[in-house]
């Protein structure tokens, strides 16, 4: 099971933090600080796999990937494969690139709800749902169309729409 997904910048500011098990906010902030402390102290040429037992208890692992100014971090238990999680990070980033055309930190900051939608299409409740960025993009585009249609319907009050039909 995936326990958490974090996206943070190189200064340690969390840009997206999704925990799939209940933790108090203080504990979440402590985990984010500890994860960043581990990531920023690691040299570039070492493995992207880290034991996360100190954060989440026994059998917890952490996989991360560093792109430009962002760290993408997945924390998971022993039931998940480390290489599969690394590949899932790649799928997440590829999907973000397709959505935002070369994703950057500002895209993450200003499109927070879209980031969550993409992540929810890939992972839900700590379980992997989809591993194809093409399929995820189709679902996200469909959700965007439905949101746009819903917003357009609500923009015209009923009194105005009945007046126009006369």
N, C-alpha and C. Protein backbone atom coordinates (compact mmCIF):
# COMPACT_ATOMS: atom_id res chain seq x y z
N UNK A 1 0.84 -1.18 0.00
CA UNK A 1 0.00 0.00 0.00
C UNK A 1 0.88 1.24 0.00
N UNK A 2 0.46 2.21 -0.74
CA UNK A 2 1.16 3.49 -0.75
C UNK A 2 0.64 4.28 0.45
N UNK A 3 1.55 4.79 1.22
CA UNK A 3 1.16 5.50 2.44
C UNK A 3 1.11 7.00 2.25
N UNK A 4 1.95 7.55 1.37
CA UNK A 4 1.96 8.99 1.15
C UNK A 4 2.62 9.32 -0.18
N UNK A 5 2.18 10.43 -0.76
CA UNK A 5 2.80 11.00 -1.96
C UNK A 5 3.12 12.45 -1.62
N UNK A 6 4.35 12.82 -1.83
CA UNK A 6 4.80 14.18 -1.54
C UNK A 6 5.46 14.77 -2.78
N UNK A 7 5.18 16.03 -3.02
CA UNK A 7 5.91 16.79 -4.03
C UNK A 7 6.39 18.04 -3.29
N UNK A 8 7.71 18.21 -3.26
CA UNK A 8 8.27 19.37 -2.55
C UNK A 8 9.37 19.99 -3.39
N UNK A 9 9.58 21.27 -3.15
CA UNK A 9 10.63 21.94 -3.91
C UNK A 9 11.98 21.75 -3.22
N UNK A 10 13.02 22.29 -3.81
CA UNK A 10 14.37 22.07 -3.30
C UNK A 10 14.65 22.86 -2.02
N UNK A 11 13.73 23.73 -1.61
CA UNK A 11 13.85 24.43 -0.33
C UNK A 11 13.07 23.71 0.78
N UNK A 12 12.37 22.64 0.43
CA UNK A 12 11.63 21.86 1.42
C UNK A 12 10.18 22.26 1.58
N UNK A 13 9.68 23.16 0.73
CA UNK A 13 8.27 23.56 0.83
C UNK A 13 7.41 22.52 0.13
N UNK A 14 6.46 21.95 0.85
CA UNK A 14 5.59 20.95 0.22
C UNK A 14 4.65 21.63 -0.77
N UNK A 15 4.62 21.12 -1.98
CA UNK A 15 3.71 21.63 -3.00
C UNK A 15 2.49 20.72 -3.15
N UNK A 16 2.64 19.47 -2.77
CA UNK A 16 1.52 18.53 -2.73
C UNK A 16 1.88 17.49 -1.67
N UNK A 17 0.95 17.24 -0.76
CA UNK A 17 1.16 16.22 0.26
C UNK A 17 -0.15 15.46 0.42
N UNK A 18 -0.11 14.19 0.10
CA UNK A 18 -1.31 13.37 0.22
C UNK A 18 -0.95 12.13 1.04
N UNK A 19 -1.59 12.00 2.18
CA UNK A 19 -1.37 10.86 3.07
C UNK A 19 -2.58 9.94 2.96
N UNK A 20 -2.33 8.66 2.79
CA UNK A 20 -3.40 7.69 2.60
C UNK A 20 -3.78 6.96 3.88
N UNK A 21 -3.25 7.40 4.99
CA UNK A 21 -3.69 6.92 6.29
C UNK A 21 -3.73 8.13 7.20
N UNK A 22 -4.63 8.10 8.19
CA UNK A 22 -4.81 9.27 9.03
C UNK A 22 -3.57 9.52 9.87
N UNK A 23 -3.11 10.76 9.82
CA UNK A 23 -2.03 11.24 10.68
C UNK A 23 -2.39 12.67 11.08
N UNK A 24 -2.16 13.03 12.33
CA UNK A 24 -2.40 14.43 12.71
C UNK A 24 -1.51 15.37 11.89
N UNK A 25 -1.95 16.60 11.73
CA UNK A 25 -1.24 17.57 10.91
C UNK A 25 0.20 17.75 11.41
N UNK A 26 0.38 17.77 12.72
CA UNK A 26 1.73 17.94 13.27
C UNK A 26 2.64 16.79 12.83
N UNK A 27 2.12 15.58 12.84
CA UNK A 27 2.90 14.41 12.42
C UNK A 27 3.21 14.49 10.92
N UNK A 28 2.24 14.93 10.12
CA UNK A 28 2.47 15.10 8.68
C UNK A 28 3.59 16.11 8.43
N UNK A 29 3.56 17.23 9.13
CA UNK A 29 4.59 18.24 8.96
C UNK A 29 5.96 17.73 9.39
N UNK A 30 5.97 16.94 10.46
CA UNK A 30 7.23 16.35 10.92
C UNK A 30 7.79 15.38 9.87
N UNK A 31 6.91 14.59 9.27
CA UNK A 31 7.33 13.65 8.23
C UNK A 31 7.89 14.41 7.03
N UNK A 32 7.22 15.46 6.63
CA UNK A 32 7.69 16.26 5.49
C UNK A 32 9.07 16.84 5.78
N UNK A 33 9.26 17.37 6.98
CA UNK A 33 10.58 17.91 7.36
C UNK A 33 11.65 16.82 7.35
N UNK A 34 11.32 15.65 7.92
CA UNK A 34 12.29 14.55 7.98
C UNK A 34 12.64 14.02 6.59
N UNK A 35 11.63 13.90 5.73
CA UNK A 35 11.87 13.43 4.36
C UNK A 35 12.78 14.41 3.63
N UNK A 36 12.50 15.70 3.77
CA UNK A 36 13.34 16.69 3.10
C UNK A 36 14.77 16.65 3.64
N UNK A 37 14.91 16.48 4.95
CA UNK A 37 16.25 16.40 5.53
C UNK A 37 17.03 15.23 4.94
N UNK A 38 16.36 14.10 4.74
CA UNK A 38 17.02 12.94 4.15
C UNK A 38 17.37 13.21 2.69
N UNK A 39 16.43 13.78 1.93
CA UNK A 39 16.65 14.00 0.50
C UNK A 39 17.76 15.01 0.22
N UNK A 40 17.77 16.09 0.95
CA UNK A 40 18.77 17.13 0.64
C UNK A 40 20.17 16.73 1.10
N UNK A 41 20.27 15.74 1.98
CA UNK A 41 21.60 15.30 2.43
C UNK A 41 22.17 14.18 1.57
N UNK A 42 21.37 13.66 0.62
CA UNK A 42 21.84 12.55 -0.23
C UNK A 42 22.57 13.09 -1.46
N UNK A 43 23.71 12.49 -1.78
CA UNK A 43 24.42 12.89 -3.02
C UNK A 43 23.60 12.49 -4.26
N UNK A 44 23.92 13.13 -5.37
CA UNK A 44 23.18 12.89 -6.63
C UNK A 44 23.36 11.47 -7.16
N UNK A 45 24.50 10.86 -6.97
CA UNK A 45 24.83 9.59 -7.60
C UNK A 45 24.37 8.36 -6.82
N UNK A 46 23.65 8.52 -5.73
CA UNK A 46 23.23 7.35 -4.94
C UNK A 46 21.83 6.90 -5.35
N UNK A 47 21.42 5.78 -4.84
CA UNK A 47 20.12 5.18 -5.15
C UNK A 47 18.96 6.09 -4.74
N UNK A 48 17.85 5.95 -5.43
CA UNK A 48 16.64 6.72 -5.11
C UNK A 48 15.74 5.99 -4.12
N UNK A 49 16.23 4.93 -3.52
CA UNK A 49 15.47 4.14 -2.57
C UNK A 49 16.01 4.37 -1.16
N UNK A 50 15.12 4.60 -0.20
CA UNK A 50 15.51 4.90 1.18
C UNK A 50 14.59 4.13 2.11
N UNK A 51 15.15 3.60 3.20
CA UNK A 51 14.30 3.01 4.24
C UNK A 51 13.57 4.14 4.95
N UNK A 52 12.26 3.98 5.14
CA UNK A 52 11.46 5.01 5.80
C UNK A 52 10.89 4.51 7.12
N UNK A 53 11.55 3.54 7.72
CA UNK A 53 11.05 2.98 8.97
C UNK A 53 10.98 4.02 10.08
N UNK A 54 11.88 4.98 10.08
CA UNK A 54 11.85 6.01 11.12
C UNK A 54 10.65 6.94 10.97
N UNK A 55 10.07 7.04 9.76
CA UNK A 55 8.91 7.90 9.53
C UNK A 55 7.60 7.16 9.76
N UNK A 56 7.49 5.95 9.21
CA UNK A 56 6.22 5.23 9.18
C UNK A 56 6.24 3.88 9.88
N UNK A 57 7.33 3.55 10.53
CA UNK A 57 7.39 2.27 11.22
C UNK A 57 8.00 1.19 10.37
N UNK A 58 7.95 -0.05 10.87
CA UNK A 58 8.63 -1.16 10.17
C UNK A 58 8.07 -1.39 8.76
N UNK A 59 8.96 -1.82 7.88
CA UNK A 59 8.62 -2.22 6.53
C UNK A 59 8.24 -1.06 5.61
N UNK A 60 8.54 0.17 5.99
CA UNK A 60 8.22 1.32 5.14
C UNK A 60 9.43 1.68 4.29
N UNK A 61 9.17 2.01 3.04
CA UNK A 61 10.21 2.40 2.09
C UNK A 61 9.83 3.73 1.45
N UNK A 62 10.84 4.42 0.94
CA UNK A 62 10.64 5.70 0.29
C UNK A 62 11.38 5.66 -1.05
N UNK A 63 10.71 6.11 -2.09
CA UNK A 63 11.31 6.23 -3.41
C UNK A 63 11.10 7.67 -3.85
N UNK A 64 12.13 8.26 -4.43
CA UNK A 64 12.00 9.64 -4.87
C UNK A 64 12.67 9.83 -6.22
N UNK A 65 12.28 10.90 -6.88
CA UNK A 65 12.91 11.30 -8.13
C UNK A 65 12.98 12.82 -8.11
N UNK A 66 14.11 13.35 -8.54
CA UNK A 66 14.35 14.79 -8.53
C UNK A 66 14.27 15.30 -9.97
N UNK A 67 13.29 16.16 -10.24
CA UNK A 67 13.14 16.80 -11.54
C UNK A 67 13.22 18.32 -11.35
N UNK A 68 14.18 18.95 -11.97
CA UNK A 68 14.35 20.41 -11.92
C UNK A 68 14.35 20.88 -10.46
N UNK A 69 13.32 21.61 -10.04
CA UNK A 69 13.27 22.13 -8.67
C UNK A 69 12.33 21.35 -7.78
N UNK A 70 11.88 20.19 -8.23
CA UNK A 70 10.90 19.42 -7.45
C UNK A 70 11.38 18.02 -7.13
N UNK A 71 11.06 17.58 -5.93
CA UNK A 71 11.23 16.19 -5.53
C UNK A 71 9.85 15.53 -5.55
N UNK A 72 9.74 14.40 -6.21
CA UNK A 72 8.52 13.58 -6.20
C UNK A 72 8.83 12.37 -5.33
N UNK A 73 8.06 12.19 -4.25
CA UNK A 73 8.36 11.18 -3.24
C UNK A 73 7.14 10.30 -3.02
N UNK A 74 7.35 8.98 -3.06
CA UNK A 74 6.31 8.01 -2.70
C UNK A 74 6.81 7.24 -1.49
N UNK A 75 5.97 7.13 -0.47
CA UNK A 75 6.28 6.32 0.71
C UNK A 75 5.30 5.16 0.70
N UNK A 76 5.80 3.95 0.86
CA UNK A 76 4.96 2.76 0.71
C UNK A 76 5.47 1.65 1.61
N UNK A 77 4.69 0.57 1.72
CA UNK A 77 5.10 -0.56 2.55
C UNK A 77 5.67 -1.69 1.70
N UNK A 78 5.99 -2.80 2.32
CA UNK A 78 6.65 -3.91 1.65
C UNK A 78 5.81 -4.63 0.63
N UNK A 79 4.51 -4.37 0.57
CA UNK A 79 3.66 -5.05 -0.40
C UNK A 79 3.83 -4.47 -1.82
N UNK A 80 4.50 -3.33 -1.92
CA UNK A 80 4.72 -2.69 -3.22
C UNK A 80 6.17 -2.92 -3.67
N UNK A 81 6.35 -2.95 -4.96
CA UNK A 81 7.67 -3.13 -5.55
C UNK A 81 8.35 -1.76 -5.72
N UNK A 82 9.60 -1.67 -5.31
CA UNK A 82 10.32 -0.39 -5.38
C UNK A 82 10.45 0.14 -6.81
N UNK A 83 10.78 -0.75 -7.75
CA UNK A 83 10.93 -0.33 -9.13
C UNK A 83 9.59 0.08 -9.74
N UNK A 84 8.53 -0.60 -9.33
CA UNK A 84 7.19 -0.22 -9.80
C UNK A 84 6.82 1.17 -9.29
N UNK A 85 7.22 1.49 -8.06
CA UNK A 85 6.94 2.82 -7.51
C UNK A 85 7.75 3.89 -8.23
N UNK A 86 8.99 3.57 -8.57
CA UNK A 86 9.80 4.51 -9.34
C UNK A 86 9.17 4.76 -10.71
N UNK A 87 8.66 3.70 -11.33
CA UNK A 87 7.97 3.83 -12.61
C UNK A 87 6.67 4.63 -12.45
N UNK A 88 5.99 4.46 -11.33
CA UNK A 88 4.75 5.20 -11.09
C UNK A 88 5.03 6.70 -10.94
N UNK A 89 6.15 7.03 -10.34
CA UNK A 89 6.55 8.45 -10.28
C UNK A 89 6.73 8.97 -11.70
N UNK A 90 7.36 8.17 -12.55
CA UNK A 90 7.57 8.56 -13.94
C UNK A 90 6.24 8.77 -14.66
N UNK A 91 5.28 7.89 -14.43
CA UNK A 91 3.95 8.03 -15.03
C UNK A 91 3.29 9.33 -14.55
N UNK A 92 3.39 9.60 -13.26
CA UNK A 92 2.83 10.82 -12.69
C UNK A 92 3.44 12.05 -13.35
N UNK A 93 4.77 12.09 -13.46
CA UNK A 93 5.45 13.24 -14.06
C UNK A 93 5.13 13.35 -15.54
N UNK A 94 5.09 12.24 -16.27
CA UNK A 94 4.74 12.27 -17.70
C UNK A 94 3.32 12.82 -17.88
N UNK A 95 2.41 12.42 -17.03
CA UNK A 95 1.03 12.91 -17.12
C UNK A 95 0.98 14.40 -16.85
N UNK A 96 1.73 14.85 -15.85
CA UNK A 96 1.79 16.29 -15.57
C UNK A 96 2.40 17.04 -16.74
N UNK A 97 3.42 16.48 -17.36
CA UNK A 97 4.03 17.11 -18.54
C UNK A 97 3.03 17.23 -19.69
N UNK A 98 2.23 16.18 -19.89
CA UNK A 98 1.21 16.23 -20.95
C UNK A 98 0.15 17.27 -20.63
N UNK A 99 -0.19 17.37 -19.38
CA UNK A 99 -1.25 18.28 -18.96
C UNK A 99 -0.80 19.75 -19.01
N UNK A 100 0.42 20.01 -18.55
CA UNK A 100 0.90 21.38 -18.43
C UNK A 100 1.99 21.75 -19.43
N UNK A 101 2.35 20.84 -20.32
CA UNK A 101 3.40 21.07 -21.31
C UNK A 101 4.71 21.47 -20.61
N UNK A 102 5.41 20.48 -20.14
CA UNK A 102 6.66 20.63 -19.40
C UNK A 102 6.40 21.27 -18.03
N UNK A 103 5.92 20.47 -17.12
CA UNK A 103 5.50 20.93 -15.80
C UNK A 103 6.64 21.59 -15.04
N UNK A 104 6.29 22.65 -14.30
CA UNK A 104 7.24 23.33 -13.44
C UNK A 104 6.57 23.58 -12.09
N UNK A 105 7.30 24.13 -11.18
CA UNK A 105 6.77 24.34 -9.83
C UNK A 105 5.56 25.25 -9.82
N UNK A 106 5.53 26.27 -10.65
CA UNK A 106 4.38 27.18 -10.71
C UNK A 106 3.11 26.47 -11.17
N UNK A 107 3.25 25.52 -12.09
CA UNK A 107 2.09 24.73 -12.51
C UNK A 107 1.50 23.98 -11.32
N UNK A 108 2.37 23.43 -10.49
CA UNK A 108 1.93 22.69 -9.32
C UNK A 108 1.21 23.62 -8.34
N UNK A 109 1.78 24.82 -8.13
CA UNK A 109 1.22 25.77 -7.18
C UNK A 109 -0.14 26.29 -7.64
N UNK A 110 -0.25 26.67 -8.92
CA UNK A 110 -1.46 27.32 -9.39
C UNK A 110 -2.52 26.36 -9.92
N UNK A 111 -2.22 25.08 -10.03
CA UNK A 111 -3.19 24.09 -10.50
C UNK A 111 -3.31 22.95 -9.50
N UNK A 112 -3.47 23.33 -8.25
CA UNK A 112 -3.48 22.38 -7.15
C UNK A 112 -4.58 21.33 -7.31
N UNK A 113 -5.78 21.76 -7.68
CA UNK A 113 -6.89 20.80 -7.80
C UNK A 113 -6.68 19.84 -8.96
N UNK A 114 -6.09 20.32 -10.05
CA UNK A 114 -5.82 19.44 -11.19
C UNK A 114 -4.75 18.41 -10.83
N UNK A 115 -3.77 18.82 -10.03
CA UNK A 115 -2.75 17.89 -9.55
C UNK A 115 -3.41 16.76 -8.75
N UNK A 116 -4.33 17.13 -7.87
CA UNK A 116 -5.02 16.11 -7.07
C UNK A 116 -5.88 15.21 -7.94
N UNK A 117 -6.51 15.77 -8.96
CA UNK A 117 -7.31 14.96 -9.88
C UNK A 117 -6.44 13.94 -10.59
N UNK A 118 -5.29 14.37 -11.07
CA UNK A 118 -4.37 13.46 -11.76
C UNK A 118 -3.90 12.37 -10.81
N UNK A 119 -3.51 12.78 -9.61
CA UNK A 119 -3.04 11.80 -8.62
C UNK A 119 -4.14 10.81 -8.25
N UNK A 120 -5.37 11.30 -8.11
CA UNK A 120 -6.49 10.42 -7.77
C UNK A 120 -6.82 9.44 -8.89
N UNK A 121 -6.50 9.79 -10.12
CA UNK A 121 -6.71 8.86 -11.23
C UNK A 121 -5.63 7.77 -11.25
N UNK A 122 -4.47 8.08 -10.71
CA UNK A 122 -3.38 7.11 -10.66
C UNK A 122 -3.44 6.27 -9.40
N UNK A 123 -3.64 6.93 -8.25
CA UNK A 123 -3.65 6.25 -6.94
C UNK A 123 -4.91 6.68 -6.20
N UNK A 124 -5.60 5.71 -5.65
CA UNK A 124 -6.78 6.02 -4.85
C UNK A 124 -6.77 5.15 -3.60
N UNK A 125 -6.83 5.79 -2.45
CA UNK A 125 -6.85 5.04 -1.20
C UNK A 125 -5.58 4.25 -0.95
N UNK A 126 -4.47 4.66 -1.55
CA UNK A 126 -3.21 3.97 -1.36
C UNK A 126 -2.99 2.82 -2.33
N UNK A 127 -3.92 2.59 -3.24
CA UNK A 127 -3.81 1.51 -4.22
C UNK A 127 -3.64 2.11 -5.62
N UNK A 128 -2.82 1.47 -6.41
CA UNK A 128 -2.58 1.93 -7.78
C UNK A 128 -3.78 1.56 -8.65
N UNK A 129 -4.35 2.57 -9.33
CA UNK A 129 -5.50 2.34 -10.21
C UNK A 129 -5.09 2.26 -11.67
N UNK A 130 -4.21 3.16 -12.09
CA UNK A 130 -3.87 3.25 -13.51
C UNK A 130 -2.40 3.55 -13.67
N UNK A 131 -1.78 2.88 -14.64
CA UNK A 131 -0.35 3.10 -14.89
C UNK A 131 -0.08 3.64 -16.28
N UNK A 132 -1.10 3.95 -17.03
CA UNK A 132 -0.94 4.51 -18.36
C UNK A 132 -1.25 6.01 -18.33
N UNK A 133 -0.26 6.83 -18.66
CA UNK A 133 -0.47 8.27 -18.64
C UNK A 133 -1.51 8.69 -19.68
N UNK A 134 -1.63 7.94 -20.77
CA UNK A 134 -2.63 8.25 -21.80
C UNK A 134 -4.04 8.07 -21.24
N UNK A 135 -4.25 6.97 -20.53
CA UNK A 135 -5.57 6.72 -19.92
C UNK A 135 -5.88 7.74 -18.83
N UNK A 136 -4.89 8.10 -18.07
CA UNK A 136 -5.09 9.12 -17.03
C UNK A 136 -5.47 10.44 -17.66
N UNK A 137 -4.80 10.82 -18.75
CA UNK A 137 -5.11 12.07 -19.43
C UNK A 137 -6.53 12.07 -19.98
N UNK A 138 -6.98 10.92 -20.53
CA UNK A 138 -8.36 10.83 -21.03
C UNK A 138 -9.34 11.09 -19.90
N UNK A 139 -9.11 10.48 -18.75
CA UNK A 139 -10.00 10.66 -17.60
C UNK A 139 -9.99 12.11 -17.11
N UNK A 140 -8.81 12.71 -17.04
CA UNK A 140 -8.69 14.09 -16.57
C UNK A 140 -9.39 15.04 -17.54
N UNK A 141 -9.22 14.82 -18.84
CA UNK A 141 -9.91 15.66 -19.84
C UNK A 141 -11.42 15.52 -19.72
N UNK A 142 -11.90 14.32 -19.49
CA UNK A 142 -13.34 14.09 -19.32
C UNK A 142 -13.86 14.80 -18.07
N UNK A 143 -13.11 14.74 -17.00
CA UNK A 143 -13.50 15.43 -15.76
C UNK A 143 -13.52 16.94 -15.99
N UNK A 144 -12.53 17.46 -16.71
CA UNK A 144 -12.48 18.89 -17.01
C UNK A 144 -13.68 19.33 -17.85
N UNK A 145 -14.07 18.49 -18.83
CA UNK A 145 -15.25 18.81 -19.65
C UNK A 145 -16.50 18.84 -18.80
N UNK A 146 -16.64 17.86 -17.90
CA UNK A 146 -17.81 17.83 -17.02
C UNK A 146 -17.85 19.03 -16.08
N UNK A 147 -16.70 19.42 -15.55
CA UNK A 147 -16.64 20.60 -14.69
C UNK A 147 -16.99 21.86 -15.45
N UNK A 148 -16.50 21.98 -16.69
CA UNK A 148 -16.81 23.16 -17.51
C UNK A 148 -18.30 23.21 -17.83
N UNK A 149 -18.88 22.07 -18.18
CA UNK A 149 -20.32 22.02 -18.48
C UNK A 149 -21.13 22.35 -17.24
N UNK A 150 -20.71 21.85 -16.11
CA UNK A 150 -21.41 22.13 -14.86
C UNK A 150 -21.34 23.61 -14.50
N UNK A 151 -20.19 24.22 -14.70
CA UNK A 151 -20.02 25.64 -14.41
C UNK A 151 -20.86 26.49 -15.36
N UNK A 152 -20.92 26.11 -16.63
CA UNK A 152 -21.69 26.87 -17.62
C UNK A 152 -23.18 26.81 -17.31
N UNK A 153 -23.65 25.70 -16.84
CA UNK A 153 -25.07 25.56 -16.51
C UNK A 153 -25.42 26.45 -15.33
N UNK A 154 -24.56 26.55 -14.36
CA UNK A 154 -24.85 27.31 -13.15
C UNK A 154 -24.65 28.80 -13.31
N UNK A 155 -24.05 29.26 -14.41
CA UNK A 155 -23.78 30.68 -14.59
C UNK A 155 -25.05 31.48 -14.91
N UNK A 156 -26.03 30.88 -15.53
CA UNK A 156 -27.24 31.58 -15.94
C UNK A 156 -28.34 31.30 -14.92
N UNK A 157 -28.79 32.31 -14.20
CA UNK A 157 -29.86 32.08 -13.23
C UNK A 157 -31.15 31.67 -13.92
N UNK A 158 -32.00 30.96 -13.22
CA UNK A 158 -33.26 30.46 -13.79
C UNK A 158 -34.16 31.60 -14.26
N UNK A 159 -34.18 32.71 -13.54
CA UNK A 159 -35.03 33.83 -13.94
C UNK A 159 -34.61 34.38 -15.30
N UNK A 160 -33.33 34.46 -15.57
CA UNK A 160 -32.84 34.98 -16.84
C UNK A 160 -33.11 33.97 -17.95
N UNK A 161 -32.89 32.69 -17.69
CA UNK A 161 -33.10 31.68 -18.73
C UNK A 161 -34.57 31.59 -19.11
N UNK A 162 -35.49 31.79 -18.18
CA UNK A 162 -36.92 31.74 -18.54
C UNK A 162 -37.31 33.00 -19.29
N UNK A 163 -36.70 34.12 -19.01
CA UNK A 163 -36.98 35.37 -19.72
C UNK A 163 -36.51 35.27 -21.16
N UNK A 164 -35.35 34.61 -21.42
CA UNK A 164 -34.83 34.51 -22.77
C UNK A 164 -35.67 33.60 -23.64
N UNK A 165 -36.39 32.67 -23.05
CA UNK A 165 -37.17 31.71 -23.86
C UNK A 165 -38.51 32.29 -24.30
N UNK A 166 -38.85 33.48 -23.89
CA UNK A 166 -40.14 34.08 -24.29
C UNK A 166 -40.14 34.54 -25.70
